[in-house]
C-alpha atoms as a PDB file:
ATOM      1  CA  MET A   1     -20.925-113.111  39.710  1.00  0.00           C
ATOM      2  CA  THR A   2     -21.027-110.881  42.705  1.00  0.00           C
ATOM      3  CA  GLU A   3     -21.852-112.576  45.968  1.00  0.00           C
ATOM      4  CA  ARG A   4     -21.863-110.295  48.978  1.00  0.00           C
ATOM      5  CA  PRO A   5     -23.130-112.058  52.084  1.00  0.00           C
ATOM      6  CA  ALA A   6     -24.194-110.006  55.009  1.00  0.00           C
ATOM      7  CA  GLY A   7     -21.437-109.128  57.489  1.00  0.00           C
ATOM      8  CA  VAL A   8     -20.943-111.730  60.214  1.00  0.00           C
ATOM      9  CA  ARG A   9     -18.686-109.914  62.525  1.00  0.00           C
ATOM     10  CA  GLY A  10     -19.481-111.603  65.770  1.00  0.00           C
ATOM     11  CA  PRO A  11     -19.708-110.106  69.178  1.00  0.00           C
ATOM     12  CA  SER A  12     -16.407-109.412  70.741  1.00  0.00           C
ATOM     13  CA  THR A  13     -15.363-108.826  74.281  1.00  0.00           C
ATOM     14  CA  ALA A  14     -14.382-105.301  73.389  1.00  0.00           C
ATOM     15  CA  ALA A  15     -14.440-102.993  76.373  1.00  0.00           C
ATOM     16  CA  ALA A  16     -13.714 -99.421  77.327  1.00  0.00           C
ATOM     17  CA  SER A  17     -12.210 -98.187  80.541  1.00  0.00           C
ATOM     18  CA  ALA A  18     -14.072 -99.088  83.719  1.00  0.00           C
ATOM     19  CA  GLY A  19     -16.872 -96.805  84.770  1.00  0.00           C
ATOM     20  CA  SER A  20     -17.235 -95.231  88.175  1.00  0.00           C
ATOM     21  CA  ALA A  21     -19.255 -96.794  90.981  1.00  0.00           C
ATOM     22  CA  ASP A  22     -22.009 -94.163  90.705  1.00  0.00           C
ATOM     23  CA  VAL A  23     -22.853 -94.793  87.037  1.00  0.00           C
ATOM     24  CA  CYS A  24     -26.258 -96.161  88.132  1.00  0.00           C
ATOM     25  CA  SER A  25     -27.206 -92.557  88.837  1.00  0.00           C
ATOM     26  CA  HIS A  26     -25.621 -90.847  85.865  1.00  0.00           C
ATOM     27  CA  ALA A  27     -24.392 -93.017  83.003  1.00  0.00           C
ATOM     28  CA  SER A  28     -22.390 -91.311  80.291  1.00  0.00           C
ATOM     29  CA  SER A  29     -24.045 -90.687  76.952  1.00  0.00           C
ATOM     30  CA  TRP A  30     -22.155 -93.469  75.098  1.00  0.00           C
ATOM     31  CA  SER A  31     -23.074 -96.208  77.599  1.00  0.00           C
ATOM     32  CA  ASP A  32     -26.656 -96.758  76.511  1.00  0.00           C
ATOM     33  CA  PRO A  33     -26.995-100.383  77.789  1.00  0.00           C
ATOM     34  CA  LEU A  34     -25.828 -99.247  81.239  1.00  0.00           C
ATOM     35  CA  THR A  35     -28.293 -96.314  81.205  1.00  0.00           C
ATOM     36  CA  MET A  36     -31.072 -98.807  80.473  1.00  0.00           C
ATOM     37  CA  LEU A  37     -29.999-100.989  83.363  1.00  0.00           C
ATOM     38  CA  ALA A  38     -29.730 -98.010  85.721  1.00  0.00           C
ATOM     39  CA  ASP A  39     -33.177 -96.719  84.822  1.00  0.00           C
ATOM     40  CA  ALA A  40     -34.683-100.178  85.379  1.00  0.00           C
ATOM     41  CA  ALA A  41     -32.883-100.718  88.700  1.00  0.00           C
ATOM     42  CA  ARG A  42     -34.312 -97.565  90.276  1.00  0.00           C
ATOM     43  CA  ASP A  43     -37.814 -99.097  90.198  1.00  0.00           C
ATOM     44  CA  LEU A  44     -36.761-102.509  91.470  1.00  0.00           C
ATOM     45  CA  GLY A  45     -35.517-103.954  94.731  1.00  0.00           C
ATOM     46  CA  PRO A  46     -32.197-104.017  96.566  1.00  0.00           C
ATOM     47  CA  GLY A  47     -31.018-107.166  94.733  1.00  0.00           C
ATOM     48  CA  GLU A  48     -31.446-105.600  91.286  1.00  0.00           C
ATOM     49  CA  GLN A  49     -29.798-102.393  92.510  1.00  0.00           C
ATOM     50  CA  ALA A  50     -26.859-104.356  93.888  1.00  0.00           C
ATOM     51  CA  LEU A  51     -26.485-106.036  90.482  1.00  0.00           C
ATOM     52  CA  CYS A  52     -26.495-102.628  88.845  1.00  0.00           C
ATOM     53  CA  GLU A  53     -23.735-101.430  91.176  1.00  0.00           C
ATOM     54  CA  VAL A  54     -21.593-104.483  90.313  1.00  0.00           C
ATOM     55  CA  LEU A  55     -22.158-103.986  86.567  1.00  0.00           C
ATOM     56  CA  SER A  56     -21.380-100.261  86.687  1.00  0.00           C
ATOM     57  CA  ALA A  57     -18.307-100.561  88.922  1.00  0.00           C
ATOM     58  CA  GLY A  58     -16.565-102.790  86.404  1.00  0.00           C
ATOM     59  CA  TYR A  59     -18.353-101.700  83.235  1.00  0.00           C
ATOM     60  CA  PRO A  60     -18.120-102.953  80.577  1.00  0.00           C
ATOM     61  CA  HIS A  61     -15.989-105.900  81.717  1.00  0.00           C
ATOM     62  CA  ALA A  62     -18.416-106.884  84.450  1.00  0.00           C
ATOM     63  CA  VAL A  63     -21.208-107.257  81.807  1.00  0.00           C
ATOM     64  CA  LEU A  64     -19.123-109.876  80.030  1.00  0.00           C
ATOM     65  CA  GLN A  65     -18.747-112.087  83.098  1.00  0.00           C
ATOM     66  CA  ARG A  66     -20.754-115.302  83.574  1.00  0.00           C
ATOM     67  CA  HIS A  67     -24.071-114.952  85.358  1.00  0.00           C
ATOM     68  CA  ASP A  68     -22.888-116.998  88.375  1.00  0.00           C
ATOM     69  CA  VAL A  69     -19.956-114.594  88.889  1.00  0.00           C
ATOM     70  CA  LEU A  70     -22.285-111.623  88.783  1.00  0.00           C
ATOM     71  CA  LEU A  71     -24.645-113.235  91.279  1.00  0.00           C
ATOM     72  CA  GLU A  72     -21.843-114.092  93.664  1.00  0.00           C
ATOM     73  CA  ARG A  73     -20.399-110.558  93.590  1.00  0.00           C
ATOM     74  CA  SER A  74     -23.768-108.864  94.061  1.00  0.00           C
ATOM     75  CA  GLY A  75     -25.497-111.317  96.367  1.00  0.00           C
ATOM     76  CA  ALA A  76     -28.477-111.269  94.044  1.00  0.00           C
ATOM     77  CA  THR A  77     -30.538-114.208  92.873  1.00  0.00           C
ATOM     78  CA  ARG A  78     -31.198-115.523  89.360  1.00  0.00           C
ATOM     79  CA  ARG A  79     -34.673-114.182  89.533  1.00  0.00           C
ATOM     80  CA  GLU A  80     -33.447-110.686  90.407  1.00  0.00           C
ATOM     81  CA  LEU A  81     -30.941-110.847  87.537  1.00  0.00           C
ATOM     82  CA  HIS A  82     -33.753-111.859  85.176  1.00  0.00           C
ATOM     83  CA  ARG A  83     -36.016-109.041  86.457  1.00  0.00           C
ATOM     84  CA  LEU A  84     -33.303-106.416  85.967  1.00  0.00           C
ATOM     85  CA  LEU A  85     -32.525-107.587  82.455  1.00  0.00           C
ATOM     86  CA  THR A  86     -36.125-107.806  81.294  1.00  0.00           C
ATOM     87  CA  ALA A  87     -37.060-104.473  82.895  1.00  0.00           C
ATOM     88  CA  ALA A  88     -34.168-102.916  80.983  1.00  0.00           C
ATOM     89  CA  GLY A  89     -35.440-104.413  77.751  1.00  0.00           C
ATOM     90  CA  PHE A  90     -33.052-107.308  77.299  1.00  0.00           C
ATOM     91  CA  ARG A  91     -34.151-110.877  76.675  1.00  0.00           C
ATOM     92  CA  ASP A  92     -31.289-112.348  78.703  1.00  0.00           C
ATOM     93  CA  LEU A  93     -27.704-111.756  79.709  1.00  0.00           C
ATOM     94  CA  ALA A  94     -26.395-112.917  76.342  1.00  0.00           C
ATOM     95  CA  GLU A  95     -28.335-110.195  74.529  1.00  0.00           C
ATOM     96  CA  LEU A  96     -26.952-107.541  76.900  1.00  0.00           C
ATOM     97  CA  GLN A  97     -23.425-108.865  76.400  1.00  0.00           C
ATOM     98  CA  ALA A  98     -23.778-108.799  72.610  1.00  0.00           C
ATOM     99  CA  ARG A  99     -25.142-105.241  72.686  1.00  0.00           C
ATOM    100  CA  VAL A 100     -22.261-103.983  74.781  1.00  0.00           C
ATOM    101  CA  ALA A 101     -19.635-105.811  72.687  1.00  0.00           C
ATOM    102  CA  ASP A 102     -21.013-104.578  69.362  1.00  0.00           C
ATOM    103  CA  LYS A 103     -21.251-101.009  70.593  1.00  0.00           C
ATOM    104  CA  LEU A 104     -17.691-100.916  71.817  1.00  0.00           C
ATOM    105  CA  ASP A 105     -15.849-103.000  69.251  1.00  0.00           C
ATOM    106  CA  GLY A 106     -15.920-100.406  66.512  1.00  0.00           C
ATOM    107  CA  GLU A 107     -14.331 -97.816  68.819  1.00  0.00           C
ATOM    108  CA  LEU A 108     -11.258 -99.947  69.466  1.00  0.00           C
ATOM    109  CA  ARG A 109      -9.415 -99.230  66.199  1.00  0.00           C
ATOM    110  CA  SER A 110      -5.837 -99.875  67.284  1.00  0.00           C
ATOM    111  CA  PRO A 111      -4.134-102.866  69.016  1.00  0.00           C
ATOM    112  CA  ALA A 112      -3.061-100.493  71.833  1.00  0.00           C
ATOM    113  CA  ALA A 113      -6.671 -99.416  72.464  1.00  0.00           C
ATOM    114  CA  ARG A 114      -7.833-103.027  72.422  1.00  0.00           C
ATOM    115  CA  PHE A 115      -5.066-104.063  74.853  1.00  0.00           C
ATOM    116  CA  GLU A 116      -6.035-101.382  77.348  1.00  0.00           C
ATOM    117  CA  ALA A 117      -9.700-102.309  77.134  1.00  0.00           C
ATOM    118  CA  ARG A 118      -9.543-106.097  76.955  1.00  0.00           C
ATOM    119  CA  LEU A 119      -6.455-107.108  78.900  1.00  0.00           C
ATOM    120  CA  ASN A 120      -6.432-104.738  81.867  1.00  0.00           C
ATOM    121  CA  PRO A 121      -6.602-106.345  85.306  1.00  0.00           C
ATOM    122  CA  ALA A 122     -10.441-106.058  85.519  1.00  0.00           C
ATOM    123  CA  ALA A 123     -10.819-107.976  82.275  1.00  0.00           C
ATOM    124  CA  ARG A 124      -8.418-110.816  82.950  1.00  0.00           C
ATOM    125  CA  ALA A 125     -10.709-112.957  85.063  1.00  0.00           C
ATOM    126  CA  GLY A 126     -12.140-115.755  82.929  1.00  0.00           C
ATOM    127  CA  LEU A 127     -10.124-114.656  79.884  1.00  0.00           C
ATOM    128  CA  LEU A 128      -9.409-118.145  78.526  1.00  0.00           C
ATOM    129  CA  PRO A 129     -13.015-119.409  78.863  1.00  0.00           C
ATOM    130  CA  ARG A 130     -14.198-116.209  77.069  1.00  0.00           C
ATOM    131  CA  MET A 131     -11.689-116.849  74.280  1.00  0.00           C
ATOM    132  CA  THR A 132     -12.847-120.424  73.940  1.00  0.00           C
ATOM    133  CA  VAL A 133     -16.472-119.381  73.470  1.00  0.00           C
ATOM    134  CA  LEU A 134     -15.641-116.521  71.096  1.00  0.00           C
ATOM    135  CA  GLU A 135     -13.347-118.544  68.833  1.00  0.00           C
ATOM    136  CA  SER A 136     -15.854-121.322  68.559  1.00  0.00           C
ATOM    137  CA  ASP A 137     -18.677-118.857  67.783  1.00  0.00           C
ATOM    138  CA  ASN A 138     -16.510-117.057  65.206  1.00  0.00           C
ATOM    139  CA  VAL A 139     -15.891-120.205  63.235  1.00  0.00           C
ATOM    140  CA  ALA A 140     -19.377-121.588  63.489  1.00  0.00           C
ATOM    141  CA  THR A 141     -21.041-118.271  62.526  1.00  0.00           C
ATOM    142  CA  THR A 142     -18.650-117.608  59.675  1.00  0.00           C
ATOM    143  CA  LEU A 143     -18.866-120.978  57.949  1.00  0.00           C
ATOM    144  CA  SER A 144     -22.618-121.201  58.463  1.00  0.00           C
ATOM    145  CA  GLU A 145     -23.194-117.779  56.865  1.00  0.00           C
ATOM    146  CA  LEU A 146     -20.849-118.495  53.914  1.00  0.00           C
ATOM    147  CA  ASP A 147     -22.551-121.803  53.312  1.00  0.00           C
ATOM    148  CA  ASP A 148     -26.036-120.309  53.468  1.00  0.00           C
ATOM    149  CA  SER A 149     -25.136-117.390  51.187  1.00  0.00           C
ATOM    150  CA  GLY A 150     -23.379-119.607  48.593  1.00  0.00           C
ATOM    151  CA  ALA A 151     -20.326-117.312  48.662  1.00  0.00           C
ATOM    152  CA  LEU A 152     -17.879-120.091  49.583  1.00  0.00           C
ATOM    153  CA  ALA A 153     -19.134-122.280  46.773  1.00  0.00           C
ATOM    154  CA  ALA A 154     -18.899-119.375  44.320  1.00  0.00           C
ATOM    155  CA  ALA A 155     -15.273-118.721  45.363  1.00  0.00           C
ATOM    156  CA  ALA A 156     -14.393-122.407  44.920  1.00  0.00           C
ATOM    157  CA  ASP A 157     -16.032-122.454  41.458  1.00  0.00           C
ATOM    158  CA  ALA A 158     -14.060-119.380  40.447  1.00  0.00           C
ATOM    159  CA  LEU A 159     -10.783-120.992  41.511  1.00  0.00           C
ATOM    160  CA  LEU A 160     -11.614-124.188  39.575  1.00  0.00           C
ATOM    161  CA  ALA A 161     -12.519-122.282  36.407  1.00  0.00           C
ATOM    162  CA  ALA A 162      -9.481-120.032  36.455  1.00  0.00           C
ATOM    163  CA  ARG A 163      -6.442-120.306  34.230  1.00  0.00           C
ATOM    164  CA  ARG A 164      -4.127-118.835  36.898  1.00  0.00           C
ATOM    165  CA  ARG A 165      -4.682-118.255  40.603  1.00  0.00           C
ATOM    166  CA  TRP A 166      -2.925-115.665  42.722  1.00  0.00           C
ATOM    167  CA  VAL A 167      -3.251-115.158  46.478  1.00  0.00           C
ATOM    168  CA  THR A 168      -2.232-112.036  48.296  1.00  0.00           C
ATOM    169  CA  GLY A 169      -2.170-110.519  51.759  1.00  0.00           C
ATOM    170  CA  ALA A 170       0.150-108.105  53.564  1.00  0.00           C
ATOM    171  CA  GLN A 171       1.750-108.303  56.986  1.00  0.00           C
ATOM    172  CA  ARG A 172      -0.457-110.449  59.276  1.00  0.00           C
ATOM    173  CA  SER A 173      -2.737-111.357  56.375  1.00  0.00           C
ATOM    174  CA  HIS A 174       0.227-112.741  54.455  1.00  0.00           C
ATOM    175  CA  ALA A 175       0.116-115.794  56.732  1.00  0.00           C
ATOM    176  CA  PHE A 176      -3.451-116.531  55.627  1.00  0.00           C
ATOM    177  CA  ALA A 177      -2.465-116.050  51.952  1.00  0.00           C
ATOM    178  CA  TYR A 178       0.425-118.480  52.325  1.00  0.00           C
ATOM    179  CA  LEU A 179      -1.793-121.030  54.084  1.00  0.00           C
ATOM    180  CA  LEU A 180      -4.366-120.945  51.285  1.00  0.00           C
ATOM    181  CA  ALA A 181      -1.833-121.005  48.497  1.00  0.00           C
ATOM    182  CA  SER A 182      -0.019-123.921  50.063  1.00  0.00           C
ATOM    183  CA  ASP A 183      -3.184-125.973  50.337  1.00  0.00           C
ATOM    184  CA  LEU A 184      -4.464-125.031  46.891  1.00  0.00           C
ATOM    185  CA  SER A 185      -1.202-125.833  45.131  1.00  0.00           C
ATOM    186  CA  ALA A 186      -1.496-129.423  46.369  1.00  0.00           C
ATOM    187  CA  VAL A 187      -4.644-129.946  44.287  1.00  0.00           C
ATOM    188  CA  LEU A 188      -4.475-127.245  41.570  1.00  0.00           C
ATOM    189  CA  GLY A 189      -1.795-125.976  39.188  1.00  0.00           C
ATOM    190  CA  GLN A 190      -0.898-122.328  38.542  1.00  0.00           C
ATOM    191  CA  VAL A 191      -1.185-121.114  42.118  1.00  0.00           C
ATOM    192  CA  ALA A 192       1.164-118.386  43.340  1.00  0.00           C
ATOM    193  CA  VAL A 193       1.485-115.971  46.290  1.00  0.00           C
ATOM    194  CA  VAL A 194       2.049-112.279  45.416  1.00  0.00           C
ATOM    195  CA  GLY A 195       2.909-109.583  47.914  1.00  0.00           C
ATOM    196  CA  GLY A 196       4.737-110.096  51.156  1.00  0.00           C
ATOM    197  CA  PRO A 197       8.488-110.812  51.061  1.00  0.00           C
ATOM    198  CA  ALA A 198       8.370-112.397  47.594  1.00  0.00           C
ATOM    199  CA  ALA A 199       6.543-109.407  45.952  1.00  0.00           C
ATOM    200  CA  HIS A 200       6.087-110.093  42.146  1.00  0.00           C
ATOM    201  CA  GLU A 201       2.844-108.002  42.082  1.00  0.00           C
ATOM    202  CA  VAL A 202       3.909-106.205  38.873  1.00  0.00           C
ATOM    203  CA  GLU A 203       4.603-109.439  36.982  1.00  0.00           C
ATOM    204  CA  ALA A 204       1.315-110.928  38.164  1.00  0.00           C
ATOM    205  CA  LEU A 205      -0.650-107.863  37.122  1.00  0.00           C
ATOM    206  CA  ILE A 206       0.986-107.870  33.625  1.00  0.00           C
ATOM    207  CA  ASP A 207      -0.302-111.412  33.073  1.00  0.00           C
ATOM    208  CA  ALA A 208      -3.713-111.067  34.745  1.00  0.00           C
ATOM    209  CA  GLY A 209      -6.861-111.250  32.634  1.00  0.00           C
ATOM    210  CA  PRO A 210     -10.517-112.313  32.634  1.00  0.00           C
ATOM    211  CA  GLN A 211      -9.623-115.997  33.034  1.00  0.00           C
ATOM    212  CA  ASP A 212      -7.692-115.480  36.237  1.00  0.00           C
ATOM    213  CA  VAL A 213      -8.477-115.151  39.921  1.00  0.00           C
ATOM    214  CA  LEU A 214      -6.966-113.179  42.769  1.00  0.00           C
ATOM    215  CA  VAL A 215      -7.819-114.168  46.367  1.00  0.00           C
ATOM    216  CA  ALA A 216      -7.015-111.227  48.622  1.00  0.00           C
ATOM    217  CA  PHE A 217      -6.887-111.190  52.391  1.00  0.00           C
ATOM    218  CA  ALA A 218      -7.232-107.878  54.250  1.00  0.00           C
ATOM    219  CA  LEU A 219      -8.509-107.133  57.749  1.00  0.00           C
ATOM    220  CA  ARG A 220      -8.795-103.897  59.640  1.00  0.00           C
ATOM    221  CA  ARG A 221      -6.622-101.766  59.439  1.00  0.00           C
ATOM    222  CA  TYR A 222      -6.646-102.569  55.722  1.00  0.00           C
ATOM    223  CA  HIS A 223      -3.294-102.592  53.972  1.00  0.00           C
ATOM    224  CA  VAL A 224      -3.226-100.072  51.126  1.00  0.00           C
ATOM    225  CA  GLY A 225      -1.003-102.300  48.952  1.00  0.00           C
ATOM    226  CA  THR A 226      -3.583-105.109  49.055  1.00  0.00           C
ATOM    227  CA  LEU A 227      -6.423-102.741  48.211  1.00  0.00           C
ATOM    228  CA  ARG A 228      -4.522-101.306  45.261  1.00  0.00           C
ATOM    229  CA  LEU A 229      -3.639-104.767  43.921  1.00  0.00           C
ATOM    230  CA  ALA A 230      -7.265-105.940  44.203  1.00  0.00           C
ATOM    231  CA  GLU A 231      -8.491-102.858  42.436  1.00  0.00           C
ATOM    232  CA  ALA A 232      -5.927-103.318  39.624  1.00  0.00           C
ATOM    233  CA  PHE A 233      -6.793-107.002  39.180  1.00  0.00           C
ATOM    234  CA  SER A 234     -10.477-106.139  39.082  1.00  0.00           C
ATOM    235  CA  ALA A 235      -9.752-103.500  36.357  1.00  0.00           C
ATOM    236  CA  SER A 236      -7.874-106.183  34.357  1.00  0.00           C
ATOM    237  CA  GLY A 237     -11.020-108.297  34.248  1.00  0.00           C
ATOM    238  CA  ALA A 238      -9.776-110.908  36.692  1.00  0.00           C
ATOM    239  CA  THR A 239     -12.156-112.280  39.322  1.00  0.00           C
ATOM    240  CA  VAL A 240     -11.335-110.930  42.813  1.00  0.00           C
ATOM    241  CA  VAL A 241     -12.269-113.051  45.848  1.00  0.00           C
ATOM    242  CA  ALA A 242     -12.026-111.025  49.068  1.00  0.00           C
ATOM    243  CA  VAL A 243     -11.487-112.606  52.456  1.00  0.00           C
ATOM    244  CA  THR A 244     -12.115-109.833  54.962  1.00  0.00           C
ATOM    245  CA  ASP A 245     -13.912-108.853  58.157  1.00  0.00           C
ATOM    246  CA  ASP A 246     -16.399-106.345  56.752  1.00  0.00           C
ATOM    247  CA  PRO A 247     -18.671-106.886  53.749  1.00  0.00           C
ATOM    248  CA  ALA A 248     -18.937-103.133  53.384  1.00  0.00           C
ATOM    249  CA  GLY A 249     -15.186-102.514  53.843  1.00  0.00           C
ATOM    250  CA  PRO A 250     -12.600-101.220  51.367  1.00  0.00           C
ATOM    251  CA  LEU A 251     -11.535-104.674  50.076  1.00  0.00           C
ATOM    252  CA  ALA A 252     -15.053-105.846  49.514  1.00  0.00           C
ATOM    253  CA  ALA A 253     -15.594-102.849  47.198  1.00  0.00           C
ATOM    254  CA  HIS A 254     -13.241-104.426  44.659  1.00  0.00           C
ATOM    255  CA  ALA A 255     -14.503-108.016  45.025  1.00  0.00           C
ATOM    256  CA  ASP A 256     -16.681-110.218  42.880  1.00  0.00           C
ATOM    257  CA  VAL A 257     -17.014-112.685  45.759  1.00  0.00           C
ATOM    258  CA  CYS A 258     -16.748-111.580  49.364  1.00  0.00           C
ATOM    259  CA  LEU A 259     -16.002-114.080  52.120  1.00  0.00           C
ATOM    260  CA  THR A 260     -16.630-112.339  55.444  1.00  0.00           C
ATOM    261  CA  ALA A 261     -15.013-113.797  58.611  1.00  0.00           C
ATOM    262  CA  ALA A 262     -16.030-113.008  62.156  1.00  0.00           C
ATOM    263  CA  THR A 263     -13.051-111.640  64.092  1.00  0.00           C
ATOM    264  CA  ALA A 264     -14.504-111.062  67.582  1.00  0.00           C
ATOM    265  CA  SER A 265     -11.750-111.248  70.121  1.00  0.00           C
ATOM    266  CA  ALA A 266     -10.892-111.091  73.820  1.00  0.00           C
ATOM    267  CA  SER A 267      -7.361-110.017  72.890  1.00  0.00           C
ATOM    268  CA  TYR A 268      -5.551-106.952  71.649  1.00  0.00           C
ATOM    269  CA  ALA A 269      -5.511-108.567  68.166  1.00  0.00           C
ATOM    270  CA  ASP A 270      -8.676-109.327  66.245  1.00  0.00           C
ATOM    271  CA  SER A 271      -9.206-113.079  66.103  1.00  0.00           C
ATOM    272  CA  PRO A 272      -7.531-114.910  63.202  1.00  0.00           C
ATOM    273  CA  THR A 273      -9.371-118.224  63.827  1.00  0.00           C
ATOM    274  CA  ALA A 274     -12.315-117.832  61.490  1.00  0.00           C
ATOM    275  CA  VAL A 275     -10.095-116.280  58.782  1.00  0.00           C
ATOM    276  CA  ALA A 276      -7.877-119.345  58.844  1.00  0.00           C
ATOM    277  CA  ALA A 277     -11.006-121.538  58.834  1.00  0.00           C
ATOM    278  CA  VAL A 278     -12.211-119.767  55.681  1.00  0.00           C
ATOM    279  CA  ALA A 279      -8.913-120.441  53.971  1.00  0.00           C
ATOM    280  CA  HIS A 280      -9.027-124.067  55.026  1.00  0.00           C
ATOM    281  CA  ALA A 281     -12.676-124.482  54.006  1.00  0.00           C
ATOM    282  CA  LEU A 282     -12.079-122.794  50.622  1.00  0.00           C
ATOM    283  CA  ALA A 283      -9.140-125.119  49.829  1.00  0.00           C
ATOM    284  CA  THR A 284     -11.113-128.169  50.999  1.00  0.00           C
ATOM    285  CA  LEU A 285     -14.217-127.309  48.989  1.00  0.00           C
ATOM    286  CA  THR A 286     -12.122-126.556  45.910  1.00  0.00           C
ATOM    287  CA  ALA A 287     -10.370-129.918  46.213  1.00  0.00           C
ATOM    288  CA  ALA A 288     -13.640-131.737  46.674  1.00  0.00           C
ATOM    289  CA  ARG A 289     -15.035-130.200  43.484  1.00  0.00           C
ATOM    290  CA  SER A 290     -11.931-130.807  41.386  1.00  0.00           C
ATOM    291  CA  LYS A 291     -11.856-133.962  39.326  1.00  0.00           C
ATOM    292  CA  ALA A 292      -8.065-133.834  39.097  1.00  0.00           C
ATOM    293  CA  SER A 293      -7.344-133.383  42.847  1.00  0.00           C
ATOM    294  CA  ALA A 294      -6.685-137.046  43.635  1.00  0.00           C
ATOM    295  CA  ARG A 295      -4.413-137.452  40.625  1.00  0.00           C
ATOM    296  CA  ARG A 296      -2.444-134.300  41.433  1.00  0.00           C
ATOM    297  CA  LEU A 297      -2.047-135.321  45.073  1.00  0.00           C
ATOM    298  CA  SER A 298      -0.718-138.751  43.988  1.00  0.00           C
ATOM    299  CA  ARG A 299       1.818-137.108  41.616  1.00  0.00           C
ATOM    300  CA  ARG A 300       2.767-134.735  44.337  1.00  0.00           C
ATOM    301  CA  GLU A 301       3.614-137.604  46.672  1.00  0.00           C
ATOM    302  CA  GLN A 302       5.750-139.199  43.993  1.00  0.00           C
ATOM    303  CA  ALA A 303       7.628-135.936  43.514  1.00  0.00           C
ATOM    304  CA  VAL A 304       8.119-135.548  47.253  1.00  0.00           C
ATOM    305  CA  ARG A 305       9.617-139.057  47.470  1.00  0.00           C
ATOM    306  CA  LEU A 306      11.931-138.414  44.530  1.00  0.00           C
ATOM    307  CA  LEU A 307      13.166-135.088  45.894  1.00  0.00           C
ATOM    308  CA  SER A 308      13.118-135.884  49.586  1.00  0.00           C
ATOM    309  CA  PRO A 309      16.035-134.273  51.427  1.00  0.00           C
ATOM    310  CA  TYR A 310      16.167-137.204  53.870  1.00  0.00           C
ATOM    311  CA  SER A 311      17.925-140.499  53.348  1.00  0.00           C
ATOM    312  CA  GLU A 312      15.835-143.597  53.896  1.00  0.00           C
ATOM    313  CA  ASP A 313      18.850-145.687  54.839  1.00  0.00           C
END
């Protein structure tokens, strides 16, 4: 029951080191969007050329600024900004920003590289507003794509039909695994976390079979232990649900259902917001489709009251 929705990795504010002030005359070979702007500016007026100078002097961070900031710094008008963008082949500033972000994001493989690019002094202006927009877009894009593709529903159905349910994730991804397992165990039985501090992967793999499900979380740089466990579960006949950031990535290769989360970020760390939203949405949809959820939640409340560590006196 393979469901592999298209990747929804959203635009990020990824950035490389600032370019020199004369990039409008000789852009480097990797900065194609800036080359396009420079070529267009040569045939336009002083306002468009001033905009190009502002964009090149702080490239790529300047491209990711709001249009009103760019206009204030360059002294150009909205019409001149529009002329520059359309002459360069861009529909609007948002399209240029997405092109730059997509081009650079893949080059920032390590947290150290992302820190240097995204959090240097030139990139700090407007950081929180950029984060607000990105995180909102990540969640909206991710959940919309997973709903349209049917992948989220397929994952929930697999969990409901399973005999046993394991959830795994290493290092940072262990937090997402624990979140999902905690929420699922409130409405379903036979839910357990494997990997992380508790381990138990060997015992889980011994018991795994075609009636079971493993939900695995792995984001770049993908933890080898999670990949091996997903591959082994798949070989055992169990259904593997991947929650990852790349539908063509190494975890997705072992998955029957792939839930892709957008992780665009303005920080040194790829965004966790949409990944947590996927875990929350998966648990919620599973609960909504389970006929026994309400009864289990009621029994859980009774057990909590019986075993509460706090005195009511």
